[in-house]
PDB file of N, CA and C in Angstrom:
ATOM      1  N   GLN A   1      41.222 142.887 114.750  1.00  0.00           N
ATOM      2  CA  GLN A   1      41.712 141.321 113.843  1.00  0.00           C
ATOM      3  C   GLN A   1      42.969 141.951 113.775  1.00  0.00           C
ATOM      4  N   PHE A   2      43.721 141.124 113.334  1.00  0.00           N
ATOM      5  CA  PHE A   2      45.006 141.266 112.934  1.00  0.00           C
ATOM      6  C   PHE A   2      46.048 142.584 113.681  1.00  0.00           C
ATOM      7  N   GLY A   3      45.813 142.174 115.373  1.00  0.00           N
ATOM      8  CA  GLY A   3      46.659 142.684 115.805  1.00  0.00           C
ATOM      9  C   GLY A   3      46.328 144.193 116.402  1.00  0.00           C
ATOM     10  N   GLY A   4      45.092 144.613 115.598  1.00  0.00           N
ATOM     11  CA  GLY A   4      45.035 146.197 115.483  1.00  0.00           C
ATOM     12  C   GLY A   4      45.673 147.051 114.527  1.00  0.00           C
ATOM     13  N   GLN A   5      46.103 145.601 113.454  1.00  0.00           N
ATOM     14  CA  GLN A   5      46.579 146.608 112.777  1.00  0.00           C
ATOM     15  C   GLN A   5      46.065 148.098 112.171  1.00  0.00           C
ATOM     16  N   GLU A   6      44.731 147.451 111.706  1.00  0.00           N
ATOM     17  CA  GLU A   6      44.145 148.779 111.245  1.00  0.00           C
ATOM     18  C   GLU A   6      42.782 149.040 111.828  1.00  0.00           C
ATOM     19  N   PRO A   7      42.623 150.037 112.087  1.00  0.00           N
ATOM     20  CA  PRO A   7      41.993 150.660 113.705  1.00  0.00           C
ATOM     21  C   PRO A   7      41.456 151.903 112.613  1.00  0.00           C
ATOM     22  N   GLY A   8      41.372 152.020 112.152  1.00  0.00           N
ATOM     23  CA  GLY A   8      40.868 154.008 110.892  1.00  0.00           C
ATOM     24  C   GLY A   8      39.686 153.337 110.464  1.00  0.00           C
ATOM     25  N   THR A   9      38.880 154.175 110.212  1.00  0.00           N
ATOM     26  CA  THR A   9      37.311 153.854 109.763  1.00  0.00           C
ATOM     27  C   THR A   9      37.537 153.703 108.071  1.00  0.00           C
ATOM     28  N   GLU A  10      36.569 153.512 107.054  1.00  0.00           N
ATOM     29  CA  GLU A  10      37.059 153.596 105.553  1.00  0.00           C
ATOM     30  C   GLU A  10      37.588 154.373 105.349  1.00  0.00           C
ATOM     31  N   ALA A  11      36.624 155.285 105.499  1.00  0.00           N
ATOM     32  CA  ALA A  11      37.078 156.939 105.052  1.00  0.00           C
ATOM     33  C   ALA A  11      38.188 157.305 105.010  1.00  0.00           C
ATOM     34  N   GLU A  12      39.181 156.716 106.647  1.00  0.00           N
ATOM     35  CA  GLU A  12      40.600 157.249 106.348  1.00  0.00           C
ATOM     36  C   GLU A  12      41.303 155.912 105.882  1.00  0.00           C
ATOM     37  N   ILE A  13      40.983 154.930 105.603  1.00  0.00           N
ATOM     38  CA  ILE A  13      41.630 154.028 105.156  1.00  0.00           C
ATOM     39  C   ILE A  13      42.036 154.434 103.649  1.00  0.00           C
ATOM     40  N   LYS A  14      40.590 155.015 102.946  1.00  0.00           N
ATOM     41  CA  LYS A  14      40.810 155.178 101.823  1.00  0.00           C
ATOM     42  C   LYS A  14      41.632 156.196 101.338  1.00  0.00           C
ATOM     43  N   LYS A  15      41.621 157.124 102.455  1.00  0.00           N
ATOM     44  CA  LYS A  15      42.568 158.534 102.155  1.00  0.00           C
ATOM     45  C   LYS A  15      44.005 158.041 102.130  1.00  0.00           C
ATOM     46  N   PHE A  16      44.381 157.001 102.969  1.00  0.00           N
ATOM     47  CA  PHE A  16      45.620 156.482 103.422  1.00  0.00           C
ATOM     48  C   PHE A  16      46.360 155.835 101.874  1.00  0.00           C
ATOM     49  N   ALA A  17      45.519 155.041 101.370  1.00  0.00           N
ATOM     50  CA  ALA A  17      45.118 154.446 100.691  1.00  0.00           C
ATOM     51  C   ALA A  17      45.706 155.257  99.008  1.00  0.00           C
ATOM     52  N   GLU A  18      44.806 156.528  99.329  1.00  0.00           N
ATOM     53  CA  GLU A  18      45.037 157.228  97.848  1.00  0.00           C
ATOM     54  C   GLU A  18      46.704 158.043  98.012  1.00  0.00           C
ATOM     55  N   GLY A  19      47.108 158.042  98.996  1.00  0.00           N
ATOM     56  CA  GLY A  19      48.257 158.872  99.306  1.00  0.00           C
ATOM     57  C   GLY A  19      49.150 157.626  99.057  1.00  0.00           C
ATOM     58  N   TYR A  20      49.215 156.620  98.000  1.00  0.00           N
ATOM     59  CA  TYR A  20      50.110 155.646  97.624  1.00  0.00           C
ATOM     60  C   TYR A  20      49.511 155.575  96.063  1.00  0.00           C
ATOM     61  N   GLY A  21      48.761 156.310  95.693  1.00  0.00           N
ATOM     62  CA  GLY A  21      48.012 156.485  94.503  1.00  0.00           C
ATOM     63  C   GLY A  21      47.152 154.906  93.891  1.00  0.00           C
ATOM     64  N   VAL A  22      46.654 154.551  95.065  1.00  0.00           N
ATOM     65  CA  VAL A  22      45.812 153.329  94.634  1.00  0.00           C
ATOM     66  C   VAL A  22      44.896 154.257  94.399  1.00  0.00           C
ATOM     67  N   LYS A  23      44.420 153.552  93.126  1.00  0.00           N
ATOM     68  CA  LYS A  23      43.206 153.913  91.945  1.00  0.00           C
ATOM     69  C   LYS A  23      41.954 152.455  91.809  1.00  0.00           C
ATOM     70  N   PHE A  24      42.583 151.251  92.421  1.00  0.00           N
ATOM     71  CA  PHE A  24      41.452 150.324  92.141  1.00  0.00           C
ATOM     72  C   PHE A  24      40.133 150.392  93.542  1.00  0.00           C
ATOM     73  N   ASP A  25      39.188 149.581  93.534  1.00  0.00           N
ATOM     74  CA  ASP A  25      37.964 149.629  94.068  1.00  0.00           C
ATOM     75  C   ASP A  25      38.393 148.937  94.989  1.00  0.00           C
ATOM     76  N   MET A  26      37.780 149.722  96.344  1.00  0.00           N
ATOM     77  CA  MET A  26      38.817 148.638  97.724  1.00  0.00           C
ATOM     78  C   MET A  26      37.099 148.390  98.151  1.00  0.00           C
ATOM     79  N   PHE A  27      36.945 147.326  99.002  1.00  0.00           N
ATOM     80  CA  PHE A  27      35.724 146.757  99.700  1.00  0.00           C
ATOM     81  C   PHE A  27      35.472 147.463 100.975  1.00  0.00           C
ATOM     82  N   SER A  28      34.328 147.186 101.379  1.00  0.00           N
ATOM     83  CA  SER A  28      34.573 147.940 102.989  1.00  0.00           C
ATOM     84  C   SER A  28      34.767 146.839 104.103  1.00  0.00           C
ATOM     85  N   LYS A  29      34.914 147.561 105.469  1.00  0.00           N
ATOM     86  CA  LYS A  29      35.980 146.541 106.366  1.00  0.00           C
ATOM     87  C   LYS A  29      35.165 145.524 106.715  1.00  0.00           C
ATOM     88  N   ILE A  30      35.489 144.133 107.373  1.00  0.00           N
ATOM     89  CA  ILE A  30      34.842 143.407 107.467  1.00  0.00           C
ATOM     90  C   ILE A  30      35.183 142.811 107.952  1.00  0.00           C
ATOM     91  N   LYS A  31      34.873 141.522 109.529  1.00  0.00           N
ATOM     92  CA  LYS A  31      35.622 140.455 109.745  1.00  0.00           C
ATOM     93  C   LYS A  31      35.714 139.957 108.658  1.00  0.00           C
ATOM     94  N   VAL A  32      37.006 139.093 109.490  1.00  0.00           N
ATOM     95  CA  VAL A  32      37.334 137.866 108.569  1.00  0.00           C
ATOM     96  C   VAL A  32      37.042 136.492 109.347  1.00  0.00           C
ATOM     97  N   ASN A  33      37.650 136.429 110.641  1.00  0.00           N
ATOM     98  CA  ASN A  33      37.244 135.573 111.766  1.00  0.00           C
ATOM     99  C   ASN A  33      36.725 136.028 113.231  1.00  0.00           C
ATOM    100  N   GLY A  34      36.555 134.946 113.494  1.00  0.00           N
ATOM    101  CA  GLY A  34      35.542 134.806 114.509  1.00  0.00           C
ATOM    102  C   GLY A  34      34.140 134.843 114.555  1.00  0.00           C
ATOM    103  N   ASN A  35      33.154 135.078 115.597  1.00  0.00           N
ATOM    104  CA  ASN A  35      31.663 135.075 115.420  1.00  0.00           C
ATOM    105  C   ASN A  35      30.557 135.985 114.312  1.00  0.00           C
ATOM    106  N   ASP A  36      31.446 136.783 113.572  1.00  0.00           N
ATOM    107  CA  ASP A  36      30.709 138.134 113.179  1.00  0.00           C
ATOM    108  C   ASP A  36      31.700 137.962 111.460  1.00  0.00           C
ATOM    109  N   THR A  37      32.338 136.947 112.236  1.00  0.00           N
ATOM    110  CA  THR A  37      32.830 136.639 110.470  1.00  0.00           C
ATOM    111  C   THR A  37      31.721 136.603 109.401  1.00  0.00           C
ATOM    112  N   HIS A  38      32.533 137.552 107.788  1.00  0.00           N
ATOM    113  CA  HIS A  38      31.135 138.015 106.571  1.00  0.00           C
ATOM    114  C   HIS A  38      31.292 136.151 105.753  1.00  0.00           C
ATOM    115  N   PRO A  39      30.111 136.214 105.624  1.00  0.00           N
ATOM    116  CA  PRO A  39      29.534 135.225 104.800  1.00  0.00           C
ATOM    117  C   PRO A  39      30.334 134.738 104.098  1.00  0.00           C
ATOM    118  N   LEU A  40      30.475 135.262 102.518  1.00  0.00           N
ATOM    119  CA  LEU A  40      32.263 134.542 102.138  1.00  0.00           C
ATOM    120  C   LEU A  40      33.311 134.533 102.633  1.00  0.00           C
ATOM    121  N   TRP A  41      33.645 135.354 103.637  1.00  0.00           N
ATOM    122  CA  TRP A  41      35.208 135.006 104.409  1.00  0.00           C
ATOM    123  C   TRP A  41      35.156 133.471 104.752  1.00  0.00           C
ATOM    124  N   ASN A  42      33.304 132.755 105.189  1.00  0.00           N
ATOM    125  CA  ASN A  42      33.635 131.631 105.908  1.00  0.00           C
ATOM    126  C   ASN A  42      33.198 130.130 104.683  1.00  0.00           C
ATOM    127  N   TYR A  43      32.528 131.180 103.297  1.00  0.00           N
ATOM    128  CA  TYR A  43      32.840 130.314 102.651  1.00  0.00           C
ATOM    129  C   TYR A  43      33.908 130.019 102.208  1.00  0.00           C
ATOM    130  N   LEU A  44      34.991 131.187 101.701  1.00  0.00           N
ATOM    131  CA  LEU A  44      36.427 130.727 101.466  1.00  0.00           C
ATOM    132  C   LEU A  44      37.109 129.691 101.609  1.00  0.00           C
ATOM    133  N   LYS A  45      37.012 130.111 103.504  1.00  0.00           N
ATOM    134  CA  LYS A  45      37.850 129.317 104.068  1.00  0.00           C
ATOM    135  C   LYS A  45      37.533 128.134 104.532  1.00  0.00           C
ATOM    136  N   ASN A  46      35.974 127.607 103.620  1.00  0.00           N
ATOM    137  CA  ASN A  46      35.532 126.974 104.262  1.00  0.00           C
ATOM    138  C   ASN A  46      36.629 125.502 102.888  1.00  0.00           C
ATOM    139  N   LYS A  47      35.910 126.563 101.828  1.00  0.00           N
ATOM    140  CA  LYS A  47      36.498 126.190 100.149  1.00  0.00           C
ATOM    141  C   LYS A  47      37.363 125.203 100.229  1.00  0.00           C
ATOM    142  N   GLN A  48      38.696 126.364 100.806  1.00  0.00           N
ATOM    143  CA  GLN A  48      40.327 126.380 100.530  1.00  0.00           C
ATOM    144  C   GLN A  48      40.805 126.574 101.533  1.00  0.00           C
ATOM    145  N   GLY A  49      40.807 125.377 102.086  1.00  0.00           N
ATOM    146  CA  GLY A  49      41.256 125.767 103.547  1.00  0.00           C
ATOM    147  C   GLY A  49      43.402 125.824 104.094  1.00  0.00           C
ATOM    148  N   GLY A  50      43.352 126.865 105.262  1.00  0.00           N
ATOM    149  CA  GLY A  50      44.780 127.109 105.523  1.00  0.00           C
ATOM    150  C   GLY A  50      45.575 126.021 106.102  1.00  0.00           C
ATOM    151  N   THR A  51      47.041 126.422 106.052  1.00  0.00           N
ATOM    152  CA  THR A  51      47.836 125.088 106.140  1.00  0.00           C
ATOM    153  C   THR A  51      47.718 125.061 107.768  1.00  0.00           C
ATOM    154  N   LEU A  52      47.576 125.918 108.741  1.00  0.00           N
ATOM    155  CA  LEU A  52      47.401 125.660 110.347  1.00  0.00           C
ATOM    156  C   LEU A  52      45.976 125.625 110.838  1.00  0.00           C
ATOM    157  N   GLY A  53      45.300 125.433 109.826  1.00  0.00           N
ATOM    158  CA  GLY A  53      43.445 125.877 110.458  1.00  0.00           C
ATOM    159  C   GLY A  53      43.142 126.717 109.562  1.00  0.00           C
ATOM    160  N   ASN A  54      42.048 126.499 109.761  1.00  0.00           N
ATOM    161  CA  ASN A  54      40.999 127.820 108.491  1.00  0.00           C
ATOM    162  C   ASN A  54      40.932 128.910 108.215  1.00  0.00           C
ATOM    163  N   PHE A  55      41.447 129.861 109.920  1.00  0.00           N
ATOM    164  CA  PHE A  55      41.235 131.192 109.837  1.00  0.00           C
ATOM    165  C   PHE A  55      42.135 131.784 109.199  1.00  0.00           C
ATOM    166  N   ILE A  56      42.046 133.444 109.078  1.00  0.00           N
ATOM    167  CA  ILE A  56      42.613 133.881 108.277  1.00  0.00           C
ATOM    168  C   ILE A  56      43.669 134.192 108.803  1.00  0.00           C
ATOM    169  N   LYS A  57      45.074 134.476 108.853  1.00  0.00           N
ATOM    170  CA  LYS A  57      45.869 134.440 109.567  1.00  0.00           C
ATOM    171  C   LYS A  57      46.561 135.901 109.646  1.00  0.00           C
ATOM    172  N   TRP A  58      46.703 136.209 108.392  1.00  0.00           N
ATOM    173  CA  TRP A  58      47.513 137.926 108.340  1.00  0.00           C
ATOM    174  C   TRP A  58      46.915 138.863 107.751  1.00  0.00           C
ATOM    175  N   ASN A  59      46.615 139.853 107.560  1.00  0.00           N
ATOM    176  CA  ASN A  59      46.438 141.241 106.177  1.00  0.00           C
ATOM    177  C   ASN A  59      46.757 139.947 105.030  1.00  0.00           C
ATOM    178  N   PHE A  60      46.100 140.198 103.468  1.00  0.00           N
ATOM    179  CA  PHE A  60      46.741 140.500 102.209  1.00  0.00           C
ATOM    180  C   PHE A  60      46.180 138.615 102.354  1.00  0.00           C
ATOM    181  N   THR A  61      46.184 137.993 102.930  1.00  0.00           N
ATOM    182  CA  THR A  61      45.748 136.614 102.398  1.00  0.00           C
ATOM    183  C   THR A  61      44.325 136.966 101.241  1.00  0.00           C
ATOM    184  N   LYS A  62      45.233 135.661  99.906  1.00  0.00           N
ATOM    185  CA  LYS A  62      44.767 136.014  99.087  1.00  0.00           C
ATOM    186  C   LYS A  62      43.337 134.665  98.625  1.00  0.00           C
ATOM    187  N   PHE A  63      42.793 134.706  97.836  1.00  0.00           N
ATOM    188  CA  PHE A  63      41.907 133.633  96.817  1.00  0.00           C
ATOM    189  C   PHE A  63      41.815 133.799  95.556  1.00  0.00           C
ATOM    190  N   LEU A  64      42.134 132.577  95.184  1.00  0.00           N
ATOM    191  CA  LEU A  64      41.449 132.768  93.491  1.00  0.00           C
ATOM    192  C   LEU A  64      40.331 132.307  92.943  1.00  0.00           C
ATOM    193  N   ILE A  65      39.973 132.492  92.292  1.00  0.00           N
ATOM    194  CA  ILE A  65      38.269 132.082  92.139  1.00  0.00           C
ATOM    195  C   ILE A  65      38.371 132.134  90.730  1.00  0.00           C
ATOM    196  N   ASP A  66      37.672 130.683  90.448  1.00  0.00           N
ATOM    197  CA  ASP A  66      37.631 130.719  88.912  1.00  0.00           C
ATOM    198  C   ASP A  66      36.000 131.606  88.142  1.00  0.00           C
ATOM    199  N   ARG A  67      36.230 130.861  87.018  1.00  0.00           N
ATOM    200  CA  ARG A  67      34.563 131.976  86.007  1.00  0.00           C
ATOM    201  C   ARG A  67      33.464 131.324  86.631  1.00  0.00           C
ATOM    202  N   SER A  68      32.861 130.190  87.422  1.00  0.00           N
ATOM    203  CA  SER A  68      32.021 129.812  87.875  1.00  0.00           C
ATOM    204  C   SER A  68      31.751 130.188  89.478  1.00  0.00           C
ATOM    205  N   GLY A  69      33.160 130.870  89.691  1.00  0.00           N
ATOM    206  CA  GLY A  69      32.850 131.253  91.201  1.00  0.00           C
ATOM    207  C   GLY A  69      33.384 130.314  92.435  1.00  0.00           C
ATOM    208  N   GLN A  70      33.772 129.366  91.574  1.00  0.00           N
ATOM    209  CA  GLN A  70      34.779 128.636  92.822  1.00  0.00           C
ATOM    210  C   GLN A  70      35.931 128.894  93.307  1.00  0.00           C
ATOM    211  N   PRO A  71      36.110 129.287  94.525  1.00  0.00           N
ATOM    212  CA  PRO A  71      37.345 128.491  94.930  1.00  0.00           C
ATOM    213  C   PRO A  71      38.416 127.903  94.409  1.00  0.00           C
ATOM    214  N   VAL A  72      39.587 128.399  93.851  1.00  0.00           N
ATOM    215  CA  VAL A  72      40.552 127.336  93.303  1.00  0.00           C
ATOM    216  C   VAL A  72      41.786 127.082  94.318  1.00  0.00           C
ATOM    217  N   SER A  73      42.297 128.134  94.442  1.00  0.00           N
ATOM    218  CA  SER A  73      43.610 128.250  95.077  1.00  0.00           C
ATOM    219  C   SER A  73      43.535 129.073  96.539  1.00  0.00           C
ATOM    220  N   ARG A  74      43.957 129.061  97.023  1.00  0.00           N
ATOM    221  CA  ARG A  74      44.688 129.770  98.802  1.00  0.00           C
ATOM    222  C   ARG A  74      45.797 130.406  99.128  1.00  0.00           C
ATOM    223  N   TYR A  75      46.134 131.508  98.834  1.00  0.00           N
ATOM    224  CA  TYR A  75      47.605 132.468  99.397  1.00  0.00           C
ATOM    225  C   TYR A  75      48.049 132.268  99.999  1.00  0.00           C
ATOM    226  N   SER A  76      49.150 132.228 100.840  1.00  0.00           N
ATOM    227  CA  SER A  76      49.489 133.689 102.334  1.00  0.00           C
ATOM    228  C   SER A  76      50.195 134.764 102.125  1.00  0.00           C
ATOM    229  N   PRO A  77      49.721 135.515 102.748  1.00  0.00           N
ATOM    230  CA  PRO A  77      50.084 136.706 103.185  1.00  0.00           C
ATOM    231  C   PRO A  77      51.366 137.378 102.271  1.00  0.00           C
ATOM    232  N   GLN A  78      52.664 136.281 102.049  1.00  0.00           N
ATOM    233  CA  GLN A  78      53.577 136.205 102.000  1.00  0.00           C
ATOM    234  C   GLN A  78      54.314 136.330 100.531  1.00  0.00           C
ATOM    235  N   THR A  79      53.117 135.188  99.991  1.00  0.00           N
ATOM    236  CA  THR A  79      52.655 134.606  98.318  1.00  0.00           C
ATOM    237  C   THR A  79      53.129 136.119  97.704  1.00  0.00           C
ATOM    238  N   ASN A  80      53.894 136.064  96.648  1.00  0.00           N
ATOM    239  CA  ASN A  80      54.049 136.923  95.327  1.00  0.00           C
ATOM    240  C   ASN A  80      53.118 137.072  94.537  1.00  0.00           C
ATOM    241  N   PRO A  81      52.139 137.632  94.607  1.00  0.00           N
ATOM    242  CA  PRO A  81      51.092 137.365  93.616  1.00  0.00           C
ATOM    243  C   PRO A  81      51.306 137.604  92.102  1.00  0.00           C
ATOM    244  N   ILE A  82      52.860 138.109  91.959  1.00  0.00           N
ATOM    245  CA  ILE A  82      52.991 138.355  90.264  1.00  0.00           C
ATOM    246  C   ILE A  82      53.002 136.679  89.444  1.00  0.00           C
ATOM    247  N   PRO A  83      54.321 136.368  90.194  1.00  0.00           N
ATOM    248  CA  PRO A  83      54.939 135.034  89.778  1.00  0.00           C
ATOM    249  C   PRO A  83      53.582 133.724  90.150  1.00  0.00           C
ATOM    250  N   THR A  84      53.513 133.863  91.221  1.00  0.00           N
ATOM    251  CA  THR A  84      52.463 132.665  91.641  1.00  0.00           C
ATOM    252  C   THR A  84      51.370 132.402  91.313  1.00  0.00           C
ATOM    253  N   ILE A  85      50.194 133.825  91.308  1.00  0.00           N
ATOM    254  CA  ILE A  85      49.133 133.577  91.002  1.00  0.00           C
ATOM    255  C   ILE A  85      49.058 133.662  89.714  1.00  0.00           C
ATOM    256  N   GLU A  86      49.721 134.585  89.188  1.00  0.00           N
ATOM    257  CA  GLU A  86      49.914 135.105  87.743  1.00  0.00           C
ATOM    258  C   GLU A  86      49.679 133.303  86.723  1.00  0.00           C
ATOM    259  N   LYS A  87      50.331 132.697  86.632  1.00  0.00           N
ATOM    260  CA  LYS A  87      50.889 131.369  86.778  1.00  0.00           C
ATOM    261  C   LYS A  87      49.093 130.667  86.564  1.00  0.00           C
ATOM    262  N   ASP A  88      49.073 130.382  88.364  1.00  0.00           N
ATOM    263  CA  ASP A  88      47.370 130.161  88.266  1.00  0.00           C
ATOM    264  C   ASP A  88      46.466 130.423  87.523  1.00  0.00           C
ATOM    265  N   LEU A  89      46.445 131.534  87.372  1.00  0.00           N
ATOM    266  CA  LEU A  89      45.513 132.294  86.679  1.00  0.00           C
ATOM    267  C   LEU A  89      45.850 131.935  84.783  1.00  0.00           C
ATOM    268  N   THR A  90      46.878 131.670  84.789  1.00  0.00           N
ATOM    269  CA  THR A  90      46.675 131.260  82.578  1.00  0.00           C
ATOM    270  C   THR A  90      46.344 130.280  83.066  1.00  0.00           C
ATOM    271  N   LYS A  91      45.805 129.435  83.690  1.00  0.00           N
ATOM    272  CA  LYS A  91      45.901 127.725  83.827  1.00  0.00           C
ATOM    273  C   LYS A  91      44.370 127.799  83.693  1.00  0.00           C
ATOM    274  N   LEU A  92      43.703 128.706  84.424  1.00  0.00           N
ATOM    275  CA  LEU A  92      42.237 129.000  84.130  1.00  0.00           C
ATOM    276  C   LEU A  92      41.692 129.854  83.225  1.00  0.00           C
ATOM    277  N   LEU A  93      42.709 130.306  82.215  1.00  0.00           N
ATOM    278  CA  LEU A  93      42.370 130.699  81.549  1.00  0.00           C
ATOM    279  C   LEU A  93      41.762 129.904  80.126  1.00  0.00           C
TER     280      LEU A  93
END
């Protein structure tokens, strides 16, 4: 997926991220498109479709989920999370 940009194992990806000082939890590597798509990603894509179709077009597609677990917004990989998502998140509080 995504042009094979992340071919490494989970351990290799974690080691790479730690080199950049990453301290947050990371999810396991899963499929987000195609026949083997993880059910969570199918749910998110169906609830918040994309501009040119529901598929995840590139890494760093983001979803905002409300307190009840409902996806309320979808953001492209190019969306800067601080001004855009922070504003939307504040509305949900």
